Amino acid sequence: GWFRQAPGKEREIVAAISRSGLGTYYTDSVKGRF
């Protein structure tokens, strides 16, 4: 997975991918862009 942390904010999930690469997850704020 990929996570990010902005100044003054908590670490948050950005995207994740399964072992096979067929399953993915995206946080709402990056869907359609990442």
PDB file of all heavy atoms in Angstrom:
ATOM      1  N   GLY A   1       0.807  -1.206   0.000  1.00  0.00           N
ATOM      2  CA  GLY A   1       0.000   0.000   0.000  1.00  0.00           C
ATOM      3  C   GLY A   1       0.843   1.260   0.000  1.00  0.00           C
ATOM      4  O   GLY A   1       2.059   1.225   0.192  1.00  0.00           O
ATOM      5  N   TRP A   2       0.164   2.359  -0.247  1.00  0.00           N
ATOM      6  CA  TRP A   2       0.759   3.690  -0.168  1.00  0.00           C
ATOM      7  C   TRP A   2      -0.003   4.502   0.864  1.00  0.00           C
ATOM      8  O   TRP A   2      -1.240   4.516   0.872  1.00  0.00           O
ATOM      9  CB  TRP A   2       0.721   4.416  -1.513  1.00  0.00           C
ATOM     10  CG  TRP A   2       1.669   3.864  -2.528  1.00  0.00           C
ATOM     11  CD1 TRP A   2       1.410   2.941  -3.495  1.00  0.00           C
ATOM     12  CD2 TRP A   2       3.054   4.216  -2.671  1.00  0.00           C
ATOM     13  NE1 TRP A   2       2.535   2.691  -4.235  1.00  0.00           N
ATOM     14  CE2 TRP A   2       3.564   3.460  -3.750  1.00  0.00           C
ATOM     15  CE3 TRP A   2       3.908   5.098  -1.996  1.00  0.00           C
ATOM     16  CZ2 TRP A   2       4.889   3.560  -4.167  1.00  0.00           C
ATOM     17  CZ3 TRP A   2       5.221   5.190  -2.410  1.00  0.00           C
ATOM     18  CH2 TRP A   2       5.696   4.429  -3.479  1.00  0.00           C
ATOM     19  N   PHE A   3       0.745   5.188   1.720  1.00  0.00           N
ATOM     20  CA  PHE A   3       0.191   6.058   2.744  1.00  0.00           C
ATOM     21  C   PHE A   3       0.816   7.434   2.607  1.00  0.00           C
ATOM     22  O   PHE A   3       1.852   7.594   1.973  1.00  0.00           O
ATOM     23  CB  PHE A   3       0.467   5.498   4.141  1.00  0.00           C
ATOM     24  CG  PHE A   3      -0.203   4.182   4.419  1.00  0.00           C
ATOM     25  CD1 PHE A   3       0.317   2.997   3.914  1.00  0.00           C
ATOM     26  CD2 PHE A   3      -1.362   4.126   5.183  1.00  0.00           C
ATOM     27  CE1 PHE A   3      -0.296   1.778   4.161  1.00  0.00           C
ATOM     28  CE2 PHE A   3      -1.982   2.916   5.441  1.00  0.00           C
ATOM     29  CZ  PHE A   3      -1.453   1.747   4.930  1.00  0.00           C
ATOM     30  N   ARG A   4       0.190   8.431   3.217  1.00  0.00           N
ATOM     31  CA  ARG A   4       0.771   9.765   3.205  1.00  0.00           C
ATOM     32  C   ARG A   4       0.491  10.474   4.519  1.00  0.00           C
ATOM     33  O   ARG A   4      -0.471  10.170   5.224  1.00  0.00           O
ATOM     34  CB  ARG A   4       0.248  10.600   2.035  1.00  0.00           C
ATOM     35  CG  ARG A   4      -1.233  10.949   2.107  1.00  0.00           C
ATOM     36  CD  ARG A   4      -1.680  11.640   0.816  1.00  0.00           C
ATOM     37  NE  ARG A   4      -3.090  11.993   0.849  1.00  0.00           N
ATOM     38  CZ  ARG A   4      -3.765  12.453  -0.191  1.00  0.00           C
ATOM     39  NH1 ARG A   4      -3.144  12.622  -1.362  1.00  0.00           N
ATOM     40  NH2 ARG A   4      -5.050  12.752  -0.079  1.00  0.00           N
ATOM     41  N   GLN A   5       1.360  11.432   4.833  1.00  0.00           N
ATOM     42  CA  GLN A   5       1.196  12.223   6.034  1.00  0.00           C
ATOM     43  C   GLN A   5       1.534  13.674   5.721  1.00  0.00           C
ATOM     44  O   GLN A   5       2.664  13.989   5.356  1.00  0.00           O
ATOM     45  CB  GLN A   5       2.081  11.705   7.167  1.00  0.00           C
ATOM     46  CG  GLN A   5       1.835  12.409   8.486  1.00  0.00           C
ATOM     47  CD  GLN A   5       2.455  11.677   9.664  1.00  0.00           C
ATOM     48  OE1 GLN A   5       3.336  10.847   9.491  1.00  0.00           O
ATOM     49  NE2 GLN A   5       1.982  11.980  10.856  1.00  0.00           N
ATOM     50  N   ALA A   6       0.539  14.533   5.846  1.00  0.00           N
ATOM     51  CA  ALA A   6       0.719  15.960   5.640  1.00  0.00           C
ATOM     52  C   ALA A   6       1.095  16.617   6.960  1.00  0.00           C
ATOM     53  O   ALA A   6       0.806  16.082   8.037  1.00  0.00           O
ATOM     54  CB  ALA A   6      -0.559  16.580   5.088  1.00  0.00           C
ATOM     55  N   PRO A   7       1.739  17.792   6.915  1.00  0.00           N
ATOM     56  CA  PRO A   7       2.117  18.474   8.154  1.00  0.00           C
ATOM     57  C   PRO A   7       0.925  18.694   9.079  1.00  0.00           C
ATOM     58  O   PRO A   7      -0.115  19.194   8.644  1.00  0.00           O
ATOM     59  CB  PRO A   7       2.678  19.810   7.659  1.00  0.00           C
ATOM     60  CG  PRO A   7       3.190  19.506   6.292  1.00  0.00           C
ATOM     61  CD  PRO A   7       2.200  18.527   5.724  1.00  0.00           C
ATOM     62  N   GLY A   8       1.073  18.293  10.330  1.00  0.00           N
ATOM     63  CA  GLY A   8       0.027  18.485  11.308  1.00  0.00           C
ATOM     64  C   GLY A   8      -1.144  17.529  11.208  1.00  0.00           C
ATOM     65  O   GLY A   8      -2.132  17.691  11.929  1.00  0.00           O
ATOM     66  N   LYS A   9      -1.047  16.529  10.345  1.00  0.00           N
ATOM     67  CA  LYS A   9      -2.139  15.588  10.169  1.00  0.00           C
ATOM     68  C   LYS A   9      -1.668  14.156  10.410  1.00  0.00           C
ATOM     69  O   LYS A   9      -0.476  13.863  10.406  1.00  0.00           O
ATOM     70  CB  LYS A   9      -2.731  15.703   8.761  1.00  0.00           C
ATOM     71  CG  LYS A   9      -3.231  17.097   8.417  1.00  0.00           C
ATOM     72  CD  LYS A   9      -3.965  17.119   7.104  1.00  0.00           C
ATOM     73  CE  LYS A   9      -5.318  16.435   7.212  1.00  0.00           C
ATOM     74  NZ  LYS A   9      -6.098  16.569   5.943  1.00  0.00           N
ATOM     75  N   GLU A  10      -2.622  13.276  10.628  1.00  0.00           N
ATOM     76  CA  GLU A  10      -2.318  11.869  10.845  1.00  0.00           C
ATOM     77  C   GLU A  10      -1.993  11.171   9.531  1.00  0.00           C
ATOM     78  O   GLU A  10      -2.418  11.593   8.451  1.00  0.00           O
ATOM     79  CB  GLU A  10      -3.500  11.169  11.519  1.00  0.00           C
ATOM     80  CG  GLU A  10      -3.833  11.694  12.910  1.00  0.00           C
ATOM     81  CD  GLU A  10      -2.763  11.382  13.919  1.00  0.00           C
ATOM     82  OE1 GLU A  10      -2.159  10.289  13.842  1.00  0.00           O
ATOM     83  OE2 GLU A  10      -2.510  12.231  14.788  1.00  0.00           O
ATOM     84  N   ARG A  11      -1.230  10.096   9.631  1.00  0.00           N
ATOM     85  CA  ARG A  11      -0.953   9.270   8.464  1.00  0.00           C
ATOM     86  C   ARG A  11      -2.251   8.648   7.962  1.00  0.00           C
ATOM     87  O   ARG A  11      -3.068   8.170   8.751  1.00  0.00           O
ATOM     88  CB  ARG A  11       0.053   8.180   8.829  1.00  0.00           C
ATOM     89  CG  ARG A  11       0.432   7.259   7.673  1.00  0.00           C
ATOM     90  CD  ARG A  11       1.475   6.250   8.114  1.00  0.00           C
ATOM     91  NE  ARG A  11       1.015   5.470   9.257  1.00  0.00           N
ATOM     92  CZ  ARG A  11       1.743   4.547   9.880  1.00  0.00           C
ATOM     93  NH1 ARG A  11       2.980   4.294   9.475  1.00  0.00           N
ATOM     94  NH2 ARG A  11       1.242   3.895  10.914  1.00  0.00           N
ATOM     95  N   GLU A  12      -2.444   8.650   6.652  1.00  0.00           N
ATOM     96  CA  GLU A  12      -3.666   8.116   6.088  1.00  0.00           C
ATOM     97  C   GLU A  12      -3.382   7.209   4.903  1.00  0.00           C
ATOM     98  O   GLU A  12      -2.380   7.358   4.203  1.00  0.00           O
ATOM     99  CB  GLU A  12      -4.603   9.247   5.641  1.00  0.00           C
ATOM    100  CG  GLU A  12      -4.054  10.090   4.497  1.00  0.00           C
ATOM    101  CD  GLU A  12      -5.048  11.107   3.969  1.00  0.00           C
ATOM    102  OE1 GLU A  12      -6.242  11.031   4.348  1.00  0.00           O
ATOM    103  OE2 GLU A  12      -4.637  11.977   3.177  1.00  0.00           O
ATOM    104  N   ILE A  13      -4.291   6.270   4.689  1.00  0.00           N
ATOM    105  CA  ILE A  13      -4.193   5.388   3.538  1.00  0.00           C
ATOM    106  C   ILE A  13      -4.468   6.172   2.270  1.00  0.00           C
ATOM    107  O   ILE A  13      -5.352   7.039   2.234  1.00  0.00           O
ATOM    108  CB  ILE A  13      -5.184   4.204   3.672  1.00  0.00           C
ATOM    109  CG1 ILE A  13      -5.077   3.243   2.474  1.00  0.00           C
ATOM    110  CG2 ILE A  13      -6.620   4.701   3.798  1.00  0.00           C
ATOM    111  CD1 ILE A  13      -3.803   2.471   2.456  1.00  0.00           C
ATOM    112  N   VAL A  14      -3.717   5.885   1.229  1.00  0.00           N
ATOM    113  CA  VAL A  14      -3.951   6.457  -0.091  1.00  0.00           C
ATOM    114  C   VAL A  14      -4.487   5.387  -1.028  1.00  0.00           C
ATOM    115  O   VAL A  14      -5.529   5.553  -1.663  1.00  0.00           O
ATOM    116  CB  VAL A  14      -2.670   7.077  -0.678  1.00  0.00           C
ATOM    117  CG1 VAL A  14      -2.924   7.596  -2.092  1.00  0.00           C
ATOM    118  CG2 VAL A  14      -2.160   8.193   0.224  1.00  0.00           C
ATOM    119  N   ALA A  15      -3.764   4.281  -1.130  1.00  0.00           N
ATOM    120  CA  ALA A  15      -4.146   3.194  -2.024  1.00  0.00           C
ATOM    121  C   ALA A  15      -3.503   1.905  -1.549  1.00  0.00           C
ATOM    122  O   ALA A  15      -2.478   1.918  -0.862  1.00  0.00           O
ATOM    123  CB  ALA A  15      -3.730   3.492  -3.468  1.00  0.00           C
ATOM    124  N   ALA A  16      -4.104   0.786  -1.916  1.00  0.00           N
ATOM    125  CA  ALA A  16      -3.559  -0.517  -1.574  1.00  0.00           C
ATOM    126  C   ALA A  16      -3.805  -1.473  -2.725  1.00  0.00           C
ATOM    127  O   ALA A  16      -4.728  -1.280  -3.525  1.00  0.00           O
ATOM    128  CB  ALA A  16      -4.191  -1.054  -0.291  1.00  0.00           C
ATOM    129  N   ILE A  17      -2.983  -2.515  -2.796  1.00  0.00           N
ATOM    130  CA  ILE A  17      -3.100  -3.482  -3.876  1.00  0.00           C
ATOM    131  C   ILE A  17      -2.862  -4.879  -3.337  1.00  0.00           C
ATOM    132  O   ILE A  17      -2.015  -5.096  -2.469  1.00  0.00           O
ATOM    133  CB  ILE A  17      -2.118  -3.139  -5.026  1.00  0.00           C
ATOM    134  CG1 ILE A  17      -2.397  -3.994  -6.258  1.00  0.00           C
ATOM    135  CG2 ILE A  17      -0.666  -3.273  -4.564  1.00  0.00           C
ATOM    136  CD1 ILE A  17      -1.718  -3.463  -7.513  1.00  0.00           C
ATOM    137  N   SER A  18      -3.620  -5.834  -3.843  1.00  0.00           N
ATOM    138  CA  SER A  18      -3.515  -7.207  -3.396  1.00  0.00           C
ATOM    139  C   SER A  18      -2.253  -7.867  -3.939  1.00  0.00           C
ATOM    140  O   SER A  18      -1.570  -7.333  -4.819  1.00  0.00           O
ATOM    141  CB  SER A  18      -4.744  -8.004  -3.840  1.00  0.00           C
ATOM    142  OG  SER A  18      -4.792  -8.101  -5.260  1.00  0.00           O
ATOM    143  N   ARG A  19      -1.950  -9.036  -3.410  1.00  0.00           N
ATOM    144  CA  ARG A  19      -0.765  -9.765  -3.842  1.00  0.00           C
ATOM    145  C   ARG A  19      -0.764 -10.016  -5.342  1.00  0.00           C
ATOM    146  O   ARG A  19       0.282  -9.899  -5.999  1.00  0.00           O
ATOM    147  CB  ARG A  19      -0.664 -11.097  -3.084  1.00  0.00           C
ATOM    148  CG  ARG A  19       0.503 -11.978  -3.513  1.00  0.00           C
ATOM    149  CD  ARG A  19       0.562 -13.244  -2.690  1.00  0.00           C
ATOM    150  NE  ARG A  19      -0.703 -13.963  -2.709  1.00  0.00           N
ATOM    151  CZ  ARG A  19      -1.105 -14.765  -3.682  1.00  0.00           C
ATOM    152  NH1 ARG A  19      -0.327 -14.958  -4.745  1.00  0.00           N
ATOM    153  NH2 ARG A  19      -2.283 -15.378  -3.605  1.00  0.00           N
ATOM    154  N   SER A  20      -1.909 -10.368  -5.888  1.00  0.00           N
ATOM    155  CA  SER A  20      -2.017 -10.674  -7.308  1.00  0.00           C
ATOM    156  C   SER A  20      -2.030  -9.429  -8.190  1.00  0.00           C
ATOM    157  O   SER A  20      -1.791  -9.519  -9.396  1.00  0.00           O
ATOM    158  CB  SER A  20      -3.286 -11.473  -7.579  1.00  0.00           C
ATOM    159  OG  SER A  20      -4.428 -10.676  -7.376  1.00  0.00           O
ATOM    160  N   GLY A  21      -2.330  -8.279  -7.604  1.00  0.00           N
ATOM    161  CA  GLY A  21      -2.457  -7.057  -8.368  1.00  0.00           C
ATOM    162  C   GLY A  21      -3.852  -6.821  -8.909  1.00  0.00           C
ATOM    163  O   GLY A  21      -4.113  -5.776  -9.508  1.00  0.00           O
ATOM    164  N   LEU A  22      -4.757  -7.763  -8.697  1.00  0.00           N
ATOM    165  CA  LEU A  22      -6.100  -7.651  -9.237  1.00  0.00           C
ATOM    166  C   LEU A  22      -7.063  -6.892  -8.335  1.00  0.00           C
ATOM    167  O   LEU A  22      -8.072  -6.364  -8.806  1.00  0.00           O
ATOM    168  CB  LEU A  22      -6.669  -9.046  -9.519  1.00  0.00           C
ATOM    169  CG  LEU A  22      -5.899  -9.870 -10.558  1.00  0.00           C
ATOM    170  CD1 LEU A  22      -6.530 -11.245 -10.708  1.00  0.00           C
ATOM    171  CD2 LEU A  22      -5.854  -9.147 -11.896  1.00  0.00           C
ATOM    172  N   GLY A  23      -6.764  -6.844  -7.048  1.00  0.00           N
ATOM    173  CA  GLY A  23      -7.605  -6.123  -6.113  1.00  0.00           C
ATOM    174  C   GLY A  23      -6.957  -4.825  -5.687  1.00  0.00           C
ATOM    175  O   GLY A  23      -5.769  -4.796  -5.361  1.00  0.00           O
ATOM    176  N   THR A  24      -7.714  -3.732  -5.696  1.00  0.00           N
ATOM    177  CA  THR A  24      -7.179  -2.427  -5.303  1.00  0.00           C
ATOM    178  C   THR A  24      -8.143  -1.704  -4.384  1.00  0.00           C
ATOM    179  O   THR A  24      -9.346  -1.985  -4.362  1.00  0.00           O
ATOM    180  CB  THR A  24      -6.881  -1.536  -6.516  1.00  0.00           C
ATOM    181  OG1 THR A  24      -8.084  -1.358  -7.281  1.00  0.00           O
ATOM    182  CG2 THR A  24      -5.808  -2.154  -7.396  1.00  0.00           C
ATOM    183  N   TYR A  25      -7.596  -0.774  -3.633  1.00  0.00           N
ATOM    184  CA  TYR A  25      -8.374   0.092  -2.763  1.00  0.00           C
ATOM    185  C   TYR A  25      -7.844   1.510  -2.908  1.00  0.00           C
ATOM    186  O   TYR A  25      -6.633   1.721  -2.986  1.00  0.00           O
ATOM    187  CB  TYR A  25      -8.253  -0.350  -1.298  1.00  0.00           C
ATOM    188  CG  TYR A  25      -8.834   0.648  -0.330  1.00  0.00           C
ATOM    189  CD1 TYR A  25     -10.172   0.593   0.041  1.00  0.00           C
ATOM    190  CD2 TYR A  25      -8.038   1.666   0.200  1.00  0.00           C
ATOM    191  CE1 TYR A  25     -10.710   1.524   0.907  1.00  0.00           C
ATOM    192  CE2 TYR A  25      -8.573   2.601   1.073  1.00  0.00           C
ATOM    193  CZ  TYR A  25      -9.914   2.527   1.423  1.00  0.00           C
ATOM    194  OH  TYR A  25     -10.445   3.452   2.277  1.00  0.00           O
ATOM    195  N   TYR A  26      -8.750   2.490  -2.930  1.00  0.00           N
ATOM    196  CA  TYR A  26      -8.370   3.894  -2.978  1.00  0.00           C
ATOM    197  C   TYR A  26      -9.197   4.687  -1.979  1.00  0.00           C
ATOM    198  O   TYR A  26     -10.408   4.462  -1.858  1.00  0.00           O
ATOM    199  CB  TYR A  26      -8.596   4.499  -4.360  1.00  0.00           C
ATOM    200  CG  TYR A  26      -7.782   3.868  -5.454  1.00  0.00           C
ATOM    201  CD1 TYR A  26      -8.309   2.838  -6.233  1.00  0.00           C
ATOM    202  CD2 TYR A  26      -6.489   4.297  -5.717  1.00  0.00           C
ATOM    203  CE1 TYR A  26      -7.563   2.261  -7.236  1.00  0.00           C
ATOM    204  CE2 TYR A  26      -5.735   3.723  -6.723  1.00  0.00           C
ATOM    205  CZ  TYR A  26      -6.280   2.704  -7.480  1.00  0.00           C
ATOM    206  OH  TYR A  26      -5.529   2.131  -8.482  1.00  0.00           O
ATOM    207  N   THR A  27      -8.556   5.610  -1.298  1.00  0.00           N
ATOM    208  CA  THR A  27      -9.310   6.523  -0.466  1.00  0.00           C
ATOM    209  C   THR A  27     -10.101   7.459  -1.380  1.00  0.00           C
ATOM    210  O   THR A  27      -9.702   7.726  -2.510  1.00  0.00           O
ATOM    211  CB  THR A  27      -8.373   7.306   0.472  1.00  0.00           C
ATOM    212  OG1 THR A  27      -9.145   7.970   1.474  1.00  0.00           O
ATOM    213  CG2 THR A  27      -7.554   8.329  -0.287  1.00  0.00           C
ATOM    214  N   ASP A  28     -11.242   7.932  -0.891  1.00  0.00           N
ATOM    215  CA  ASP A  28     -12.164   8.686  -1.740  1.00  0.00           C
ATOM    216  C   ASP A  28     -11.520   9.906  -2.405  1.00  0.00           C
ATOM    217  O   ASP A  28     -11.836  10.233  -3.552  1.00  0.00           O
ATOM    218  CB  ASP A  28     -13.378   9.141  -0.931  1.00  0.00           C
ATOM    219  CG  ASP A  28     -14.329   8.014  -0.624  1.00  0.00           C
ATOM    220  OD1 ASP A  28     -14.230   6.948  -1.253  1.00  0.00           O
ATOM    221  OD2 ASP A  28     -15.194   8.206   0.251  1.00  0.00           O
ATOM    222  N   SER A  29     -10.634  10.575  -1.714  1.00  0.00           N
ATOM    223  CA  SER A  29     -10.074  11.817  -2.219  1.00  0.00           C
ATOM    224  C   SER A  29      -9.164  11.644  -3.438  1.00  0.00           C
ATOM    225  O   SER A  29      -8.872  12.626  -4.129  1.00  0.00           O
ATOM    226  CB  SER A  29      -9.311  12.553  -1.114  1.00  0.00           C
ATOM    227  OG  SER A  29      -8.200  11.800  -0.675  1.00  0.00           O
ATOM    228  N   VAL A  30      -8.714  10.418  -3.719  1.00  0.00           N
ATOM    229  CA  VAL A  30      -7.811  10.209  -4.851  1.00  0.00           C
ATOM    230  C   VAL A  30      -8.420   9.354  -5.950  1.00  0.00           C
ATOM    231  O   VAL A  30      -7.788   9.156  -6.996  1.00  0.00           O
ATOM    232  CB  VAL A  30      -6.469   9.589  -4.404  1.00  0.00           C
ATOM    233  CG1 VAL A  30      -5.861  10.398  -3.270  1.00  0.00           C
ATOM    234  CG2 VAL A  30      -6.642   8.125  -4.005  1.00  0.00           C
ATOM    235  N   LYS A  31      -9.631   8.871  -5.748  1.00  0.00           N
ATOM    236  CA  LYS A  31     -10.276   8.035  -6.756  1.00  0.00           C
ATOM    237  C   LYS A  31     -10.415   8.782  -8.079  1.00  0.00           C
ATOM    238  O   LYS A  31     -10.833   9.933  -8.115  1.00  0.00           O
ATOM    239  CB  LYS A  31     -11.654   7.583  -6.272  1.00  0.00           C
ATOM    240  CG  LYS A  31     -11.608   6.527  -5.195  1.00  0.00           C
ATOM    241  CD  LYS A  31     -13.013   6.113  -4.760  1.00  0.00           C
ATOM    242  CE  LYS A  31     -12.957   5.029  -3.702  1.00  0.00           C
ATOM    243  NZ  LYS A  31     -14.311   4.676  -3.212  1.00  0.00           N
ATOM    244  N   GLY A  32     -10.051   8.103  -9.151  1.00  0.00           N
ATOM    245  CA  GLY A  32     -10.112   8.706 -10.470  1.00  0.00           C
ATOM    246  C   GLY A  32      -8.876   9.486 -10.843  1.00  0.00           C
ATOM    247  O   GLY A  32      -8.721   9.876 -12.011  1.00  0.00           O
ATOM    248  N   ARG A  33      -7.982   9.730  -9.883  1.00  0.00           N
ATOM    249  CA  ARG A  33      -6.764  10.498 -10.144  1.00  0.00           C
ATOM    250  C   ARG A  33      -5.493   9.675  -9.956  1.00  0.00           C
ATOM    251  O   ARG A  33      -4.521   9.868 -10.683  1.00  0.00           O
ATOM    252  CB  ARG A  33      -6.696  11.728  -9.235  1.00  0.00           C
ATOM    253  CG  ARG A  33      -7.863  12.694  -9.416  1.00  0.00           C
ATOM    254  CD  ARG A  33      -7.634  13.990  -8.643  1.00  0.00           C
ATOM    255  NE  ARG A  33      -7.553  13.754  -7.198  1.00  0.00           N
ATOM    256  CZ  ARG A  33      -6.485  14.038  -6.453  1.00  0.00           C
ATOM    257  NH1 ARG A  33      -5.412  14.588  -7.011  1.00  0.00           N
ATOM    258  NH2 ARG A  33      -6.504  13.803  -5.149  1.00  0.00           N
ATOM    259  N   PHE A  34      -5.493   8.784  -8.972  1.00  0.00           N
ATOM    260  CA  PHE A  34      -4.320   7.973  -8.659  1.00  0.00           C
ATOM    261  C   PHE A  34      -4.556   6.528  -9.087  1.00  0.00           C
ATOM    262  O   PHE A  34      -5.687   6.029  -9.041  1.00  0.00           O
ATOM    263  CB  PHE A  34      -4.029   7.978  -7.160  1.00  0.00           C
ATOM    264  CG  PHE A  34      -3.539   9.288  -6.603  1.00  0.00           C
ATOM    265  CD1 PHE A  34      -3.579  10.461  -7.343  1.00  0.00           C
ATOM    266  CD2 PHE A  34      -3.032   9.332  -5.314  1.00  0.00           C
ATOM    267  CE1 PHE A  34      -3.132  11.666  -6.820  1.00  0.00           C
ATOM    268  CE2 PHE A  34      -2.579  10.526  -4.775  1.00  0.00           C
ATOM    269  CZ  PHE A  34      -2.631  11.686  -5.523  1.00  0.00           C
TER     270      PHE A  34
END
